[in-house]
Amino acid sequence: MHYAETLDHSNFLLYAAKHYDNKECTSTEEFYEDLKRIKYLKKLVTRYVKTGELKERLILNHIIILYNVFGAVHLPRILFLKMEDQMAYLKPFLLLIGACPQIIWNIGKENRVILTDEIGLDLGIVEALRKL
């Protein structure tokens, strides 16, 4: 079995800080600003689900910045923990940038293992990303 430290809501902040790699970060405020990008992503995806309005470039920009500071290993784990019910909308973006692993290990108190092949894809987002 592959080992990955458990990530749940109780240790999220510590996990994020441990795996945060922004050489230009000079304060904790910058770290928290990057973490706010997850909230922005949630809002953008929720708006898409409710209204059909997709800001694919803005979503992609936030994901790329998060990818740059958390890396390919930690970003999918973080996003799955924080946005589990929206992963079908995020998965196309992660696939586009090559940051969607086949397996996400030890998520939540239950230490779930997520097979990303079992997560669907929103076809509207797939089509929009093909046009980029």
N, C-alpha and C. Protein backbone atom coordinates (compact mmCIF):
# COMPACT_ATOMS: atom_id res chain seq x y z
N MET A 1 0.83 -1.19 0.00
CA MET A 1 0.00 0.00 0.00
C MET A 1 0.88 1.25 0.00
N HIS A 2 0.45 2.24 -0.73
CA HIS A 2 1.15 3.50 -0.81
C HIS A 2 0.86 4.32 0.45
N TYR A 3 1.88 4.93 1.01
CA TYR A 3 1.69 5.74 2.20
C TYR A 3 1.57 7.21 1.83
N ALA A 4 0.61 7.84 2.40
CA ALA A 4 0.49 9.30 2.35
C ALA A 4 -0.11 9.72 3.67
N GLU A 5 0.40 10.81 4.22
CA GLU A 5 -0.14 11.24 5.50
C GLU A 5 -1.62 11.57 5.37
N THR A 6 -2.36 11.30 6.41
CA THR A 6 -3.79 11.58 6.41
C THR A 6 -4.01 13.08 6.30
N LEU A 7 -4.97 13.45 5.48
CA LEU A 7 -5.37 14.84 5.35
C LEU A 7 -6.85 14.94 5.66
N ASP A 8 -7.18 15.69 6.70
CA ASP A 8 -8.58 15.94 7.03
C ASP A 8 -8.72 17.39 7.47
N HIS A 9 -9.93 17.78 7.82
CA HIS A 9 -10.17 19.18 8.17
C HIS A 9 -9.44 19.60 9.44
N SER A 10 -9.17 18.66 10.33
CA SER A 10 -8.50 19.02 11.59
C SER A 10 -7.02 19.33 11.39
N ASN A 11 -6.40 18.78 10.36
CA ASN A 11 -4.97 19.04 10.15
C ASN A 11 -4.69 19.77 8.83
N PHE A 12 -5.74 20.28 8.21
CA PHE A 12 -5.60 20.92 6.90
C PHE A 12 -4.58 22.06 6.91
N LEU A 13 -4.73 22.97 7.85
CA LEU A 13 -3.86 24.15 7.86
C LEU A 13 -2.40 23.76 8.04
N LEU A 14 -2.13 22.84 8.94
CA LEU A 14 -0.77 22.37 9.15
C LEU A 14 -0.23 21.68 7.89
N TYR A 15 -1.06 20.83 7.28
CA TYR A 15 -0.67 20.13 6.05
C TYR A 15 -0.35 21.15 4.96
N ALA A 16 -1.23 22.14 4.78
CA ALA A 16 -1.03 23.15 3.74
C ALA A 16 0.26 23.93 3.99
N ALA A 17 0.49 24.32 5.22
CA ALA A 17 1.71 25.08 5.54
C ALA A 17 2.96 24.24 5.30
N LYS A 18 2.88 22.97 5.67
CA LYS A 18 4.03 22.07 5.51
C LYS A 18 4.42 21.89 4.04
N HIS A 19 3.42 21.88 3.16
CA HIS A 19 3.66 21.60 1.75
C HIS A 19 3.60 22.84 0.87
N TYR A 20 3.54 23.99 1.48
CA TYR A 20 3.50 25.25 0.76
C TYR A 20 4.91 25.61 0.32
N ASP A 21 5.09 25.86 -0.95
CA ASP A 21 6.42 26.16 -1.48
C ASP A 21 6.34 27.38 -2.39
N ASN A 22 6.37 28.54 -1.78
CA ASN A 22 6.37 29.78 -2.53
C ASN A 22 7.58 30.58 -2.08
N LYS A 23 8.63 30.53 -2.85
CA LYS A 23 9.89 31.17 -2.48
C LYS A 23 9.77 32.69 -2.38
N GLU A 24 8.74 33.25 -3.00
CA GLU A 24 8.55 34.69 -2.95
C GLU A 24 7.65 35.12 -1.79
N CYS A 25 7.13 34.18 -1.06
CA CYS A 25 6.25 34.48 0.06
C CYS A 25 7.07 35.07 1.20
N THR A 26 6.67 36.24 1.67
CA THR A 26 7.41 36.89 2.74
C THR A 26 6.59 37.06 4.02
N SER A 27 5.32 36.61 4.00
CA SER A 27 4.50 36.77 5.19
C SER A 27 3.43 35.68 5.22
N THR A 28 2.87 35.48 6.39
CA THR A 28 1.76 34.52 6.51
C THR A 28 0.54 35.02 5.76
N GLU A 29 0.42 36.33 5.59
CA GLU A 29 -0.71 36.88 4.84
C GLU A 29 -0.72 36.36 3.41
N GLU A 30 0.45 36.26 2.80
CA GLU A 30 0.52 35.74 1.43
C GLU A 30 0.09 34.28 1.39
N PHE A 31 0.49 33.51 2.39
CA PHE A 31 0.07 32.11 2.48
C PHE A 31 -1.45 32.03 2.55
N TYR A 32 -2.06 32.84 3.41
CA TYR A 32 -3.51 32.83 3.55
C TYR A 32 -4.21 33.35 2.29
N GLU A 33 -3.59 34.29 1.59
CA GLU A 33 -4.15 34.75 0.32
C GLU A 33 -4.19 33.61 -0.70
N ASP A 34 -3.13 32.82 -0.73
CA ASP A 34 -3.14 31.67 -1.64
C ASP A 34 -4.20 30.66 -1.22
N LEU A 35 -4.37 30.43 0.06
CA LEU A 35 -5.41 29.51 0.52
C LEU A 35 -6.81 30.00 0.16
N LYS A 36 -6.98 31.32 0.11
CA LYS A 36 -8.29 31.88 -0.26
C LYS A 36 -8.67 31.51 -1.69
N ARG A 37 -7.69 31.17 -2.48
CA ARG A 37 -7.97 30.77 -3.87
C ARG A 37 -8.89 29.54 -3.91
N ILE A 38 -8.81 28.71 -2.90
CA ILE A 38 -9.69 27.55 -2.83
C ILE A 38 -11.13 28.01 -2.67
N LYS A 39 -11.36 29.01 -1.83
CA LYS A 39 -12.71 29.56 -1.66
C LYS A 39 -13.19 30.19 -2.96
N TYR A 40 -12.29 30.91 -3.64
CA TYR A 40 -12.66 31.52 -4.92
C TYR A 40 -13.06 30.44 -5.92
N LEU A 41 -12.29 29.35 -5.95
CA LEU A 41 -12.64 28.24 -6.84
C LEU A 41 -14.03 27.71 -6.53
N LYS A 42 -14.32 27.51 -5.25
CA LYS A 42 -15.64 27.02 -4.85
C LYS A 42 -16.74 27.95 -5.34
N LYS A 43 -16.52 29.25 -5.19
CA LYS A 43 -17.53 30.23 -5.63
C LYS A 43 -17.70 30.20 -7.13
N LEU A 44 -16.59 30.12 -7.86
CA LEU A 44 -16.66 30.10 -9.32
C LEU A 44 -17.37 28.83 -9.82
N VAL A 45 -17.08 27.70 -9.20
CA VAL A 45 -17.74 26.45 -9.61
C VAL A 45 -19.22 26.49 -9.23
N THR A 46 -19.53 27.00 -8.05
CA THR A 46 -20.93 27.11 -7.63
C THR A 46 -21.71 28.01 -8.59
N ARG A 47 -21.10 29.11 -8.99
CA ARG A 47 -21.76 30.02 -9.96
C ARG A 47 -22.00 29.29 -11.27
N TYR A 48 -21.03 28.51 -11.72
CA TYR A 48 -21.20 27.74 -12.96
C TYR A 48 -22.36 26.76 -12.83
N VAL A 49 -22.42 26.05 -11.73
CA VAL A 49 -23.48 25.06 -11.52
C VAL A 49 -24.86 25.74 -11.49
N LYS A 50 -24.95 26.90 -10.83
CA LYS A 50 -26.23 27.58 -10.67
C LYS A 50 -26.67 28.34 -11.92
N THR A 51 -25.70 28.97 -12.62
CA THR A 51 -26.08 29.86 -13.71
C THR A 51 -25.60 29.40 -15.09
N GLY A 52 -24.66 28.49 -15.13
CA GLY A 52 -24.08 28.07 -16.40
C GLY A 52 -22.95 28.98 -16.86
N GLU A 53 -22.68 30.03 -16.10
CA GLU A 53 -21.61 30.96 -16.44
C GLU A 53 -20.27 30.37 -15.99
N LEU A 54 -19.42 30.07 -16.96
CA LEU A 54 -18.13 29.47 -16.67
C LEU A 54 -17.02 30.46 -16.95
N LYS A 55 -16.23 30.73 -15.94
CA LYS A 55 -15.05 31.60 -16.10
C LYS A 55 -13.84 30.68 -16.10
N GLU A 56 -13.70 29.93 -17.21
CA GLU A 56 -12.69 28.88 -17.28
C GLU A 56 -11.26 29.41 -17.15
N ARG A 57 -10.99 30.56 -17.70
CA ARG A 57 -9.63 31.11 -17.60
C ARG A 57 -9.30 31.52 -16.16
N LEU A 58 -10.25 32.08 -15.46
CA LEU A 58 -10.03 32.48 -14.07
C LEU A 58 -9.86 31.24 -13.18
N ILE A 59 -10.69 30.23 -13.40
CA ILE A 59 -10.55 28.98 -12.66
C ILE A 59 -9.19 28.36 -12.93
N LEU A 60 -8.82 28.30 -14.19
CA LEU A 60 -7.53 27.73 -14.56
C LEU A 60 -6.38 28.51 -13.93
N ASN A 61 -6.49 29.82 -13.91
CA ASN A 61 -5.46 30.65 -13.30
C ASN A 61 -5.29 30.32 -11.81
N HIS A 62 -6.40 30.22 -11.09
CA HIS A 62 -6.32 29.89 -9.66
C HIS A 62 -5.71 28.50 -9.46
N ILE A 63 -6.11 27.56 -10.27
CA ILE A 63 -5.58 26.20 -10.13
C ILE A 63 -4.09 26.15 -10.43
N ILE A 64 -3.67 26.86 -11.44
CA ILE A 64 -2.23 26.88 -11.79
C ILE A 64 -1.42 27.51 -10.66
N ILE A 65 -1.91 28.59 -10.10
CA ILE A 65 -1.19 29.22 -8.98
C ILE A 65 -1.11 28.25 -7.80
N LEU A 66 -2.22 27.59 -7.48
CA LEU A 66 -2.21 26.61 -6.39
C LEU A 66 -1.28 25.45 -6.71
N TYR A 67 -1.28 25.02 -7.95
CA TYR A 67 -0.38 23.95 -8.39
C TYR A 67 1.08 24.36 -8.19
N ASN A 68 1.38 25.61 -8.50
CA ASN A 68 2.75 26.10 -8.38
C ASN A 68 3.21 26.17 -6.92
N VAL A 69 2.30 26.41 -5.98
CA VAL A 69 2.73 26.53 -4.58
C VAL A 69 2.54 25.24 -3.78
N PHE A 70 1.68 24.33 -4.24
CA PHE A 70 1.47 23.07 -3.51
C PHE A 70 1.96 21.84 -4.27
N GLY A 71 2.15 21.96 -5.57
CA GLY A 71 2.68 20.85 -6.35
C GLY A 71 1.64 19.83 -6.76
N ALA A 72 2.05 18.95 -7.65
CA ALA A 72 1.16 17.95 -8.24
C ALA A 72 0.70 16.90 -7.24
N VAL A 73 1.48 16.64 -6.22
CA VAL A 73 1.12 15.61 -5.24
C VAL A 73 0.08 16.14 -4.26
N HIS A 74 0.28 17.35 -3.78
CA HIS A 74 -0.54 17.86 -2.68
C HIS A 74 -1.79 18.60 -3.14
N LEU A 75 -1.74 19.26 -4.29
CA LEU A 75 -2.91 20.02 -4.73
C LEU A 75 -4.15 19.16 -4.91
N PRO A 76 -4.09 18.01 -5.60
CA PRO A 76 -5.31 17.21 -5.73
C PRO A 76 -5.88 16.77 -4.38
N ARG A 77 -5.02 16.44 -3.44
CA ARG A 77 -5.47 16.04 -2.10
C ARG A 77 -6.19 17.20 -1.43
N ILE A 78 -5.60 18.38 -1.51
CA ILE A 78 -6.20 19.57 -0.90
C ILE A 78 -7.55 19.88 -1.54
N LEU A 79 -7.58 19.88 -2.86
CA LEU A 79 -8.84 20.19 -3.55
C LEU A 79 -9.91 19.14 -3.26
N PHE A 80 -9.52 17.88 -3.22
CA PHE A 80 -10.52 16.86 -2.94
C PHE A 80 -11.09 17.03 -1.53
N LEU A 81 -10.25 17.32 -0.59
CA LEU A 81 -10.73 17.51 0.78
C LEU A 81 -11.69 18.70 0.85
N LYS A 82 -11.30 19.81 0.26
CA LYS A 82 -12.07 21.04 0.38
C LYS A 82 -13.25 21.14 -0.59
N MET A 83 -13.18 20.41 -1.70
CA MET A 83 -14.19 20.57 -2.75
C MET A 83 -14.70 19.23 -3.26
N GLU A 84 -14.80 18.26 -2.39
CA GLU A 84 -15.16 16.90 -2.79
C GLU A 84 -16.39 16.84 -3.68
N ASP A 85 -17.43 17.58 -3.33
CA ASP A 85 -18.67 17.52 -4.11
C ASP A 85 -18.57 18.25 -5.44
N GLN A 86 -17.46 18.92 -5.71
CA GLN A 86 -17.30 19.66 -6.96
C GLN A 86 -16.17 19.11 -7.83
N MET A 87 -15.67 17.94 -7.51
CA MET A 87 -14.52 17.41 -8.23
C MET A 87 -14.80 17.10 -9.70
N ALA A 88 -16.03 16.80 -10.05
CA ALA A 88 -16.34 16.55 -11.46
C ALA A 88 -16.14 17.82 -12.29
N TYR A 89 -16.23 18.97 -11.63
CA TYR A 89 -16.01 20.24 -12.32
C TYR A 89 -14.53 20.63 -12.34
N LEU A 90 -13.79 20.20 -11.34
CA LEU A 90 -12.37 20.53 -11.28
C LEU A 90 -11.49 19.54 -12.03
N LYS A 91 -11.93 18.30 -12.11
CA LYS A 91 -11.11 17.26 -12.74
C LYS A 91 -10.68 17.64 -14.16
N PRO A 92 -11.55 18.21 -15.02
CA PRO A 92 -11.06 18.57 -16.36
C PRO A 92 -9.90 19.56 -16.33
N PHE A 93 -9.91 20.49 -15.38
CA PHE A 93 -8.81 21.45 -15.26
C PHE A 93 -7.53 20.74 -14.81
N LEU A 94 -7.67 19.84 -13.84
CA LEU A 94 -6.50 19.10 -13.36
C LEU A 94 -5.91 18.22 -14.46
N LEU A 95 -6.78 17.62 -15.26
CA LEU A 95 -6.30 16.81 -16.39
C LEU A 95 -5.56 17.68 -17.40
N LEU A 96 -6.10 18.86 -17.65
CA LEU A 96 -5.49 19.77 -18.62
C LEU A 96 -4.06 20.13 -18.24
N ILE A 97 -3.82 20.35 -16.96
CA ILE A 97 -2.46 20.76 -16.55
C ILE A 97 -1.62 19.57 -16.08
N GLY A 98 -2.14 18.36 -16.23
CA GLY A 98 -1.37 17.18 -15.86
C GLY A 98 -1.23 16.98 -14.36
N ALA A 99 -2.24 17.39 -13.60
CA ALA A 99 -2.17 17.31 -12.14
C ALA A 99 -3.28 16.45 -11.56
N CYS A 100 -3.73 15.47 -12.31
CA CYS A 100 -4.79 14.59 -11.81
C CYS A 100 -4.24 13.18 -11.66
N PRO A 101 -3.91 12.80 -10.43
CA PRO A 101 -3.37 11.46 -10.21
C PRO A 101 -4.47 10.41 -10.36
N GLN A 102 -4.07 9.16 -10.52
CA GLN A 102 -5.05 8.09 -10.61
C GLN A 102 -5.64 7.77 -9.24
N ILE A 103 -4.84 7.95 -8.20
CA ILE A 103 -5.28 7.62 -6.85
C ILE A 103 -4.93 8.78 -5.91
N ILE A 104 -5.88 9.12 -5.04
CA ILE A 104 -5.65 10.10 -3.99
C ILE A 104 -5.79 9.36 -2.67
N TRP A 105 -4.74 9.39 -1.87
CA TRP A 105 -4.65 8.57 -0.66
C TRP A 105 -5.03 9.33 0.60
N ASN A 106 -5.63 8.60 1.54
CA ASN A 106 -5.82 9.00 2.94
C ASN A 106 -6.47 10.37 3.11
N ILE A 107 -7.68 10.48 2.63
CA ILE A 107 -8.43 11.72 2.74
C ILE A 107 -9.52 11.56 3.79
N GLY A 108 -9.61 12.51 4.67
CA GLY A 108 -10.64 12.52 5.70
C GLY A 108 -10.32 11.61 6.86
N LYS A 109 -11.14 11.70 7.87
CA LYS A 109 -10.95 10.89 9.08
C LYS A 109 -11.00 9.40 8.77
N GLU A 110 -11.69 9.03 7.69
CA GLU A 110 -11.83 7.62 7.32
C GLU A 110 -10.65 7.11 6.51
N ASN A 111 -9.69 7.98 6.20
CA ASN A 111 -8.54 7.62 5.36
C ASN A 111 -8.96 7.01 4.03
N ARG A 112 -9.92 7.68 3.40
CA ARG A 112 -10.43 7.19 2.12
C ARG A 112 -9.35 7.19 1.03
N VAL A 113 -9.50 6.28 0.13
CA VAL A 113 -8.68 6.22 -1.08
C VAL A 113 -9.62 6.50 -2.23
N ILE A 114 -9.30 7.53 -3.01
CA ILE A 114 -10.17 7.93 -4.11
C ILE A 114 -9.52 7.55 -5.43
N LEU A 115 -10.26 6.84 -6.24
CA LEU A 115 -9.82 6.50 -7.59
C LEU A 115 -10.39 7.57 -8.51
N THR A 116 -9.54 8.38 -9.09
CA THR A 116 -10.03 9.51 -9.86
C THR A 116 -10.74 9.09 -11.15
N ASP A 117 -10.48 7.88 -11.62
CA ASP A 117 -11.21 7.40 -12.79
C ASP A 117 -12.71 7.29 -12.51
N GLU A 118 -13.07 7.19 -11.24
CA GLU A 118 -14.47 7.08 -10.85
C GLU A 118 -15.16 8.44 -10.71
N ILE A 119 -14.39 9.51 -10.84
CA ILE A 119 -14.96 10.86 -10.79
C ILE A 119 -15.33 11.25 -12.20
N GLY A 120 -16.55 11.67 -12.39
CA GLY A 120 -17.03 12.05 -13.72
C GLY A 120 -16.41 13.36 -14.19
N LEU A 121 -16.73 13.71 -15.40
CA LEU A 121 -16.27 14.96 -16.00
C LEU A 121 -17.49 15.77 -16.44
N ASP A 122 -17.51 17.03 -16.12
CA ASP A 122 -18.56 17.91 -16.62
C ASP A 122 -18.29 18.21 -18.09
N LEU A 123 -19.19 17.81 -18.96
CA LEU A 123 -18.95 17.95 -20.40
C LEU A 123 -18.92 19.39 -20.87
N GLY A 124 -19.68 20.27 -20.20
CA GLY A 124 -19.63 21.69 -20.55
C GLY A 124 -18.25 22.27 -20.33
N ILE A 125 -17.62 21.87 -19.24
CA ILE A 125 -16.27 22.36 -18.95
C ILE A 125 -15.26 21.74 -19.91
N VAL A 126 -15.42 20.46 -20.21
CA VAL A 126 -14.53 19.81 -21.16
C VAL A 126 -14.56 20.53 -22.50
N GLU A 127 -15.76 20.85 -22.98
CA GLU A 127 -15.89 21.55 -24.26
C GLU A 127 -15.25 22.94 -24.21
N ALA A 128 -15.48 23.66 -23.11
CA ALA A 128 -14.90 25.00 -22.97
C ALA A 128 -13.37 24.93 -22.96
N LEU A 129 -12.82 23.93 -22.29
CA LEU A 129 -11.36 23.82 -22.22
C LEU A 129 -10.76 23.40 -23.56
N ARG A 130 -11.50 22.68 -24.35
CA ARG A 130 -11.00 22.29 -25.69
C ARG A 130 -10.82 23.51 -26.57
N LYS A 131 -11.59 24.56 -26.30
CA LYS A 131 -11.52 25.77 -27.11
C LYS A 131 -10.39 26.70 -26.71
N LEU A 132 -9.77 26.43 -25.59
CA LEU A 132 -8.67 27.31 -25.13
C LEU A 132 -7.44 27.14 -26.00
